[in-house]
Amino acid sequence: MRCVVFDLDGTLADTSADLLAAANVALPRAVLGPGDVLTAFHGGRAMLRLGFDRLEMDWTEADVDAGYPVLLDAYRQGIATHTRLYPGAMEAVERLKTAGFAVSVCTNKPEGLADLLLAELGVRGAFGALVGADTFPVRKPDPLPYRAAVERAGGTVARSMLVGDTETDAKTGVAAGVPVALVTFGPEGRGVERFKPAALLDRFEDLPAMAGRLLA
C-alpha cells in the first residue's frame, strides 16, 4: 500500500504560538514572540536557548535542562489554545485515504504530546499511526521512526513519501530513500527549496495529485 507520512509542527498545524507561550513560562520573563516562529519549530530547547540569550543571562545547558520539563508541562496544559490546522490539511488526508493511501504522522514532538494535540484538534483517528520523538531511542532524520510510521499504518516504505517543512524532514527522506514534499506555507516560505526536496507543496489541495505522481 502507498503511504503518505506527515510531519506535525509547521506541516499539519501551526503550533508556534502555543510553543512560544510555553517557553516563556519556563524563562525568568517572557521574551519570545511571534517573530520567533522559526525557532519554535526547531524544538523546546532551541527556544529556551534563544530566550536565555535574549535575557543576556550567563546560562549553561544545565539551565536548559532545568527549564525543559517546565516548558513541557506548560505546553501540555495549553497545547491547543492557539494551534490551528493549516487550511485544507484534513481534506487532503481524507482524499488520500479515499484514493487508497495509508496516512500517518512522524514528528519530533514527544509522542504523548503529539497524540494529545491531535486528539484535542479532533483528528487523531484520521491517521493510521503516530511515531514521536521518544517512540524509539532515535528520532528524525534517522530513518527508523519514519519507516515505523509507514509500516504501522500498513504502508510499504518503498511506496511512501514524507510531507514536512524543515531540513530535518528533507534529510529524513534521503536517509529513508523516499521522496519528500516540503510545504511553502511555513515560516521559511519557499526558502525550503534550498533543501532540494522532490516537490514543493504550496497548498494542501494539490497533495493528492502530487502523491499520485511521486508514488506512481
C-alpha atoms as a PDB file:
ATOM      1  CA  MET A   1       0.000   0.000   0.000  1.00  0.00           C
ATOM      2  CA  ARG A   2       1.185   3.510  -0.808  1.00  0.00           C
ATOM      3  CA  CYS A   3       1.621   5.750   2.222  1.00  0.00           C
ATOM      4  CA  VAL A   4       1.939   9.478   2.911  1.00  0.00           C
ATOM      5  CA  VAL A   5       3.625  10.373   6.203  1.00  0.00           C
ATOM      6  CA  PHE A   6       3.112  13.835   7.678  1.00  0.00           C
ATOM      7  CA  ASP A   7       5.286  15.879   9.987  1.00  0.00           C
ATOM      8  CA  LEU A   8       3.152  17.696  12.576  1.00  0.00           C
ATOM      9  CA  ASP A   9       4.517  21.067  13.713  1.00  0.00           C
ATOM     10  CA  GLY A  10       4.693  23.509  10.824  1.00  0.00           C
ATOM     11  CA  THR A  11       3.253  20.959   8.391  1.00  0.00           C
ATOM     12  CA  LEU A  12      -0.184  19.772   9.515  1.00  0.00           C
ATOM     13  CA  ALA A  13      -0.658  22.509  12.105  1.00  0.00           C
ATOM     14  CA  ASP A  14       0.715  25.900  13.077  1.00  0.00           C
ATOM     15  CA  THR A  15       1.682  25.196  16.683  1.00  0.00           C
ATOM     16  CA  SER A  16       4.097  28.104  17.094  1.00  0.00           C
ATOM     17  CA  ALA A  17       2.028  30.385  19.345  1.00  0.00           C
ATOM     18  CA  ASP A  18       1.406  27.694  21.964  1.00  0.00           C
ATOM     19  CA  LEU A  19       5.035  26.534  21.840  1.00  0.00           C
ATOM     20  CA  LEU A  20       6.351  30.055  22.357  1.00  0.00           C
ATOM     21  CA  ALA A  21       3.904  30.698  25.185  1.00  0.00           C
ATOM     22  CA  ALA A  22       5.104  27.557  26.959  1.00  0.00           C
ATOM     23  CA  ALA A  23       8.745  28.564  26.519  1.00  0.00           C
ATOM     24  CA  ASN A  24       8.016  31.977  28.041  1.00  0.00           C
ATOM     25  CA  VAL A  25       6.600  30.256  31.137  1.00  0.00           C
ATOM     26  CA  ALA A  26       9.911  28.405  31.561  1.00  0.00           C
ATOM     27  CA  LEU A  27      12.004  31.583  31.256  1.00  0.00           C
ATOM     28  CA  PRO A  28      12.590  34.188  34.001  1.00  0.00           C
ATOM     29  CA  ARG A  29      10.357  36.526  31.985  1.00  0.00           C
ATOM     30  CA  ALA A  30       8.562  36.411  28.661  1.00  0.00           C
ATOM     31  CA  VAL A  31      10.899  37.462  25.862  1.00  0.00           C
ATOM     32  CA  LEU A  32       9.764  35.309  22.917  1.00  0.00           C
ATOM     33  CA  GLY A  33       7.118  36.432  20.457  1.00  0.00           C
ATOM     34  CA  PRO A  34       5.574  35.945  17.006  1.00  0.00           C
ATOM     35  CA  GLY A  35       8.838  36.788  15.285  1.00  0.00           C
ATOM     36  CA  ASP A  36      10.424  33.668  16.762  1.00  0.00           C
ATOM     37  CA  VAL A  37       8.224  31.215  14.857  1.00  0.00           C
ATOM     38  CA  LEU A  38      11.150  29.578  13.084  1.00  0.00           C
ATOM     39  CA  THR A  39      12.887  28.821  16.384  1.00  0.00           C
ATOM     40  CA  ALA A  40       9.631  27.390  17.773  1.00  0.00           C
ATOM     41  CA  PHE A  41       9.635  24.750  15.055  1.00  0.00           C
ATOM     42  CA  HIS A  42      13.180  23.718  15.985  1.00  0.00           C
ATOM     43  CA  GLY A  43      12.132  22.472  19.411  1.00  0.00           C
ATOM     44  CA  GLY A  44      11.768  23.443  23.044  1.00  0.00           C
ATOM     45  CA  ARG A  45      15.457  23.526  23.874  1.00  0.00           C
ATOM     46  CA  ALA A  46      16.158  25.837  20.943  1.00  0.00           C
ATOM     47  CA  MET A  47      13.508  28.245  22.230  1.00  0.00           C
ATOM     48  CA  LEU A  48      14.994  28.214  25.725  1.00  0.00           C
ATOM     49  CA  ARG A  49      18.494  28.896  24.408  1.00  0.00           C
ATOM     50  CA  LEU A  50      17.194  31.834  22.393  1.00  0.00           C
ATOM     51  CA  GLY A  51      15.319  33.138  25.420  1.00  0.00           C
ATOM     52  CA  PHE A  52      18.356  32.934  27.698  1.00  0.00           C
ATOM     53  CA  ASP A  53      20.463  34.689  25.067  1.00  0.00           C
ATOM     54  CA  ARG A  54      17.874  37.438  24.732  1.00  0.00           C
ATOM     55  CA  LEU A  55      17.843  37.890  28.504  1.00  0.00           C
ATOM     56  CA  GLU A  56      21.637  38.274  28.346  1.00  0.00           C
ATOM     57  CA  MET A  57      21.987  35.674  31.065  1.00  0.00           C
ATOM     58  CA  ASP A  58      25.102  33.753  31.968  1.00  0.00           C
ATOM     59  CA  TRP A  59      23.428  30.409  31.239  1.00  0.00           C
ATOM     60  CA  THR A  60      24.546  26.837  30.627  1.00  0.00           C
ATOM     61  CA  GLU A  61      22.912  23.700  29.243  1.00  0.00           C
ATOM     62  CA  ALA A  62      22.003  22.846  32.840  1.00  0.00           C
ATOM     63  CA  ASP A  63      19.608  25.819  32.759  1.00  0.00           C
ATOM     64  CA  VAL A  64      18.099  24.485  29.540  1.00  0.00           C
ATOM     65  CA  ASP A  65      17.738  21.028  31.090  1.00  0.00           C
ATOM     66  CA  ALA A  66      16.025  22.532  34.142  1.00  0.00           C
ATOM     67  CA  GLY A  67      13.649  24.643  32.077  1.00  0.00           C
ATOM     68  CA  TYR A  68      12.656  21.945  29.633  1.00  0.00           C
ATOM     69  CA  PRO A  69      10.276  19.991  31.932  1.00  0.00           C
ATOM     70  CA  VAL A  70       8.639  23.282  32.942  1.00  0.00           C
ATOM     71  CA  LEU A  71       8.133  24.100  29.266  1.00  0.00           C
ATOM     72  CA  LEU A  72       6.653  20.661  28.558  1.00  0.00           C
ATOM     73  CA  ASP A  73       4.212  20.932  31.459  1.00  0.00           C
ATOM     74  CA  ALA A  74       3.096  24.415  30.403  1.00  0.00           C
ATOM     75  CA  TYR A  75       2.725  23.234  26.822  1.00  0.00           C
ATOM     76  CA  ARG A  76       0.661  20.204  27.849  1.00  0.00           C
ATOM     77  CA  GLN A  77      -1.763  22.470  29.710  1.00  0.00           C
ATOM     78  CA  GLY A  78      -2.259  24.858  26.779  1.00  0.00           C
ATOM     79  CA  ILE A  79      -1.470  22.614  23.842  1.00  0.00           C
ATOM     80  CA  ALA A  80      -4.365  23.638  21.612  1.00  0.00           C
ATOM     81  CA  THR A  81      -5.100  27.172  22.817  1.00  0.00           C
ATOM     82  CA  HIS A  82      -3.970  28.895  19.631  1.00  0.00           C
ATOM     83  CA  THR A  83      -2.891  25.955  17.444  1.00  0.00           C
ATOM     84  CA  ARG A  84      -4.775  25.540  14.180  1.00  0.00           C
ATOM     85  CA  LEU A  85      -4.603  23.018  11.367  1.00  0.00           C
ATOM     86  CA  TYR A  86      -3.401  24.509   8.107  1.00  0.00           C
ATOM     87  CA  PRO A  87      -6.180  25.128   5.565  1.00  0.00           C
ATOM     88  CA  GLY A  88      -7.078  22.041   3.584  1.00  0.00           C
ATOM     89  CA  ALA A  89      -4.901  19.664   5.608  1.00  0.00           C
ATOM     90  CA  MET A  90      -7.578  17.216   6.685  1.00  0.00           C
ATOM     91  CA  GLU A  91      -9.441  17.428   3.407  1.00  0.00           C
ATOM     92  CA  ALA A  92      -6.219  16.282   1.710  1.00  0.00           C
ATOM     93  CA  VAL A  93      -5.806  13.468   4.245  1.00  0.00           C
ATOM     94  CA  GLU A  94      -9.328  12.205   3.582  1.00  0.00           C
ATOM     95  CA  ARG A  95      -8.858  12.397  -0.189  1.00  0.00           C
ATOM     96  CA  LEU A  96      -5.648  10.368   0.114  1.00  0.00           C
ATOM     97  CA  LYS A  97      -7.416   7.723   2.171  1.00  0.00           C
ATOM     98  CA  THR A  98     -10.270   7.558  -0.328  1.00  0.00           C
ATOM     99  CA  ALA A  99      -7.687   7.015  -3.076  1.00  0.00           C
ATOM    100  CA  GLY A 100      -6.259   4.046  -1.170  1.00  0.00           C
ATOM    101  CA  PHE A 101      -3.267   5.628   0.572  1.00  0.00           C
ATOM    102  CA  ALA A 102      -2.309   4.897   4.153  1.00  0.00           C
ATOM    103  CA  VAL A 103      -1.599   8.040   6.185  1.00  0.00           C
ATOM    104  CA  SER A 104       0.442   8.514   9.348  1.00  0.00           C
ATOM    105  CA  VAL A 105       2.358  11.066  11.402  1.00  0.00           C
ATOM    106  CA  CYS A 106       6.083  11.102  12.177  1.00  0.00           C
ATOM    107  CA  THR A 107       7.115  14.013  14.388  1.00  0.00           C
ATOM    108  CA  ASN A 108       9.969  15.103  16.613  1.00  0.00           C
ATOM    109  CA  LYS A 109       7.417  16.188  19.209  1.00  0.00           C
ATOM    110  CA  PRO A 110       7.196  13.712  22.137  1.00  0.00           C
ATOM    111  CA  GLU A 111       4.676  11.016  21.236  1.00  0.00           C
ATOM    112  CA  GLY A 112       2.370  11.702  24.184  1.00  0.00           C
ATOM    113  CA  LEU A 113       2.133  15.395  23.368  1.00  0.00           C
ATOM    114  CA  ALA A 114       1.603  14.713  19.661  1.00  0.00           C
ATOM    115  CA  ASP A 115      -1.161  12.235  20.476  1.00  0.00           C
ATOM    116  CA  LEU A 116      -2.785  14.735  22.850  1.00  0.00           C
ATOM    117  CA  LEU A 117      -2.607  17.561  20.329  1.00  0.00           C
ATOM    118  CA  LEU A 118      -4.150  15.551  17.501  1.00  0.00           C
ATOM    119  CA  ALA A 119      -6.886  14.404  19.872  1.00  0.00           C
ATOM    120  CA  GLU A 120      -7.562  17.984  21.013  1.00  0.00           C
ATOM    121  CA  LEU A 121      -7.811  19.029  17.359  1.00  0.00           C
ATOM    122  CA  GLY A 122     -10.237  16.175  16.770  1.00  0.00           C
ATOM    123  CA  VAL A 123      -8.177  14.415  14.102  1.00  0.00           C
ATOM    124  CA  ARG A 124      -6.220  11.654  15.866  1.00  0.00           C
ATOM    125  CA  GLY A 125      -8.455   8.945  14.420  1.00  0.00           C
ATOM    126  CA  ALA A 126      -7.710  10.044  10.853  1.00  0.00           C
ATOM    127  CA  PHE A 127      -4.153   8.683  10.985  1.00  0.00           C
ATOM    128  CA  GLY A 128      -3.203   5.025  10.923  1.00  0.00           C
ATOM    129  CA  ALA A 129      -0.105   5.522  13.067  1.00  0.00           C
ATOM    130  CA  LEU A 130       1.789   8.096  15.107  1.00  0.00           C
ATOM    131  CA  VAL A 131       5.518   7.999  15.837  1.00  0.00           C
ATOM    132  CA  GLY A 132       7.067  10.673  18.045  1.00  0.00           C
ATOM    133  CA  ALA A 133      10.485  11.834  19.190  1.00  0.00           C
ATOM    134  CA  ASP A 134      10.602   9.353  22.069  1.00  0.00           C
ATOM    135  CA  THR A 135       8.885   6.356  20.467  1.00  0.00           C
ATOM    136  CA  PHE A 136      12.359   4.970  19.695  1.00  0.00           C
ATOM    137  CA  PRO A 137      15.837   5.808  21.017  1.00  0.00           C
ATOM    138  CA  VAL A 138      16.412   7.801  17.794  1.00  0.00           C
ATOM    139  CA  ARG A 139      14.378  10.487  16.045  1.00  0.00           C
ATOM    140  CA  LYS A 140      14.245  12.080  12.607  1.00  0.00           C
ATOM    141  CA  PRO A 141      16.383  12.382  10.497  1.00  0.00           C
ATOM    142  CA  ASP A 142      17.240   8.800  11.459  1.00  0.00           C
ATOM    143  CA  PRO A 143      15.082   6.691   9.123  1.00  0.00           C
ATOM    144  CA  LEU A 144      13.861   4.248  11.812  1.00  0.00           C
ATOM    145  CA  PRO A 145      10.940   6.366  13.090  1.00  0.00           C
ATOM    146  CA  TYR A 146       9.865   7.149   9.533  1.00  0.00           C
ATOM    147  CA  ARG A 147       9.879   3.505   8.473  1.00  0.00           C
ATOM    148  CA  ALA A 148       7.899   2.567  11.564  1.00  0.00           C
ATOM    149  CA  ALA A 149       5.331   5.276  10.804  1.00  0.00           C
ATOM    150  CA  VAL A 150       4.832   3.764   7.352  1.00  0.00           C
ATOM    151  CA  GLU A 151       4.704   0.138   8.416  1.00  0.00           C
ATOM    152  CA  ARG A 152       2.460   0.702  11.448  1.00  0.00           C
ATOM    153  CA  ALA A 153      -0.070   2.365   9.144  1.00  0.00           C
ATOM    154  CA  GLY A 154       0.005  -0.635   6.809  1.00  0.00           C
ATOM    155  CA  GLY A 155       2.105   1.017   4.119  1.00  0.00           C
ATOM    156  CA  THR A 156       5.197  -0.039   2.207  1.00  0.00           C
ATOM    157  CA  VAL A 157       8.321   2.085   2.701  1.00  0.00           C
ATOM    158  CA  ALA A 158       9.362   1.761  -0.946  1.00  0.00           C
ATOM    159  CA  ARG A 159       5.984   3.237  -1.945  1.00  0.00           C
ATOM    160  CA  SER A 160       5.880   6.044   0.604  1.00  0.00           C
ATOM    161  CA  MET A 161       6.669   9.751   0.882  1.00  0.00           C
ATOM    162  CA  LEU A 162       7.090  12.350   3.614  1.00  0.00           C
ATOM    163  CA  VAL A 163       5.412  15.757   3.809  1.00  0.00           C
ATOM    164  CA  GLY A 164       7.354  18.154   6.029  1.00  0.00           C
ATOM    165  CA  ASP A 165       8.658  21.680   6.460  1.00  0.00           C
ATOM    166  CA  THR A 166      12.310  21.585   7.553  1.00  0.00           C
ATOM    167  CA  GLU A 167      15.790  20.439   6.654  1.00  0.00           C
ATOM    168  CA  THR A 168      15.297  17.592   9.146  1.00  0.00           C
ATOM    169  CA  ASP A 169      12.426  16.286   7.033  1.00  0.00           C
ATOM    170  CA  ALA A 170      14.492  16.591   3.856  1.00  0.00           C
ATOM    171  CA  LYS A 171      17.332  14.640   5.475  1.00  0.00           C
ATOM    172  CA  THR A 172      14.879  12.003   6.695  1.00  0.00           C
ATOM    173  CA  GLY A 173      13.750  11.418   3.143  1.00  0.00           C
ATOM    174  CA  VAL A 174      17.329  10.981   1.969  1.00  0.00           C
ATOM    175  CA  ALA A 175      18.078   8.573   4.822  1.00  0.00           C
ATOM    176  CA  ALA A 176      14.948   6.519   4.136  1.00  0.00           C
ATOM    177  CA  GLY A 177      15.317   6.679   0.350  1.00  0.00           C
ATOM    178  CA  VAL A 178      11.876   8.218  -0.211  1.00  0.00           C
ATOM    179  CA  PRO A 179      10.628  11.438  -1.848  1.00  0.00           C
ATOM    180  CA  VAL A 180       9.873  14.457   0.314  1.00  0.00           C
ATOM    181  CA  ALA A 181       7.483  17.324  -0.331  1.00  0.00           C
ATOM    182  CA  LEU A 182       8.197  20.435   1.743  1.00  0.00           C
ATOM    183  CA  VAL A 183       5.398  22.907   2.413  1.00  0.00           C
ATOM    184  CA  THR A 184       5.900  26.528   1.452  1.00  0.00           C
ATOM    185  CA  PHE A 185       3.281  27.989   3.811  1.00  0.00           C
ATOM    186  CA  GLY A 186       5.522  27.638   6.877  1.00  0.00           C
ATOM    187  CA  PRO A 187       7.754  30.373   8.305  1.00  0.00           C
ATOM    188  CA  GLU A 188      10.507  29.814   5.725  1.00  0.00           C
ATOM    189  CA  GLY A 189       8.167  30.055   2.753  1.00  0.00           C
ATOM    190  CA  ARG A 190       9.793  28.975  -0.475  1.00  0.00           C
ATOM    191  CA  GLY A 191      13.180  29.160   1.240  1.00  0.00           C
ATOM    192  CA  VAL A 192      12.801  25.415   1.875  1.00  0.00           C
ATOM    193  CA  GLU A 193      13.617  24.918  -1.800  1.00  0.00           C
ATOM    194  CA  ARG A 194      17.311  25.049  -0.845  1.00  0.00           C
ATOM    195  CA  PHE A 195      16.912  21.637   0.828  1.00  0.00           C
ATOM    196  CA  LYS A 196      16.240  20.159  -2.623  1.00  0.00           C
ATOM    197  CA  PRO A 197      13.006  18.267  -1.901  1.00  0.00           C
ATOM    198  CA  ALA A 198      11.340  16.168  -4.572  1.00  0.00           C
ATOM    199  CA  ALA A 199       8.495  18.700  -4.595  1.00  0.00           C
ATOM    200  CA  LEU A 200       7.252  21.929  -3.028  1.00  0.00           C
ATOM    201  CA  LEU A 201       3.702  21.972  -1.694  1.00  0.00           C
ATOM    202  CA  ASP A 202       2.057  25.390  -1.893  1.00  0.00           C
ATOM    203  CA  ARG A 203      -1.382  24.230  -0.762  1.00  0.00           C
ATOM    204  CA  PHE A 204      -2.806  21.008   0.599  1.00  0.00           C
ATOM    205  CA  GLU A 205      -5.337  20.894  -2.217  1.00  0.00           C
ATOM    206  CA  ASP A 206      -2.508  19.814  -4.528  1.00  0.00           C
ATOM    207  CA  LEU A 207      -1.205  16.968  -2.344  1.00  0.00           C
ATOM    208  CA  PRO A 208      -3.303  14.010  -3.559  1.00  0.00           C
ATOM    209  CA  ALA A 209      -2.312  14.568  -7.182  1.00  0.00           C
ATOM    210  CA  MET A 210       1.307  15.181  -6.155  1.00  0.00           C
ATOM    211  CA  ALA A 211       1.401  11.937  -4.164  1.00  0.00           C
ATOM    212  CA  GLY A 212      -0.044  10.103  -7.141  1.00  0.00           C
ATOM    213  CA  ARG A 213       2.781  11.373  -9.339  1.00  0.00           C
ATOM    214  CA  LEU A 214       5.613  10.803  -6.854  1.00  0.00           C
ATOM    215  CA  LEU A 215       4.415   7.316  -5.940  1.00  0.00           C
ATOM    216  CA  ALA A 216       3.207   6.200  -9.370  1.00  0.00           C
END
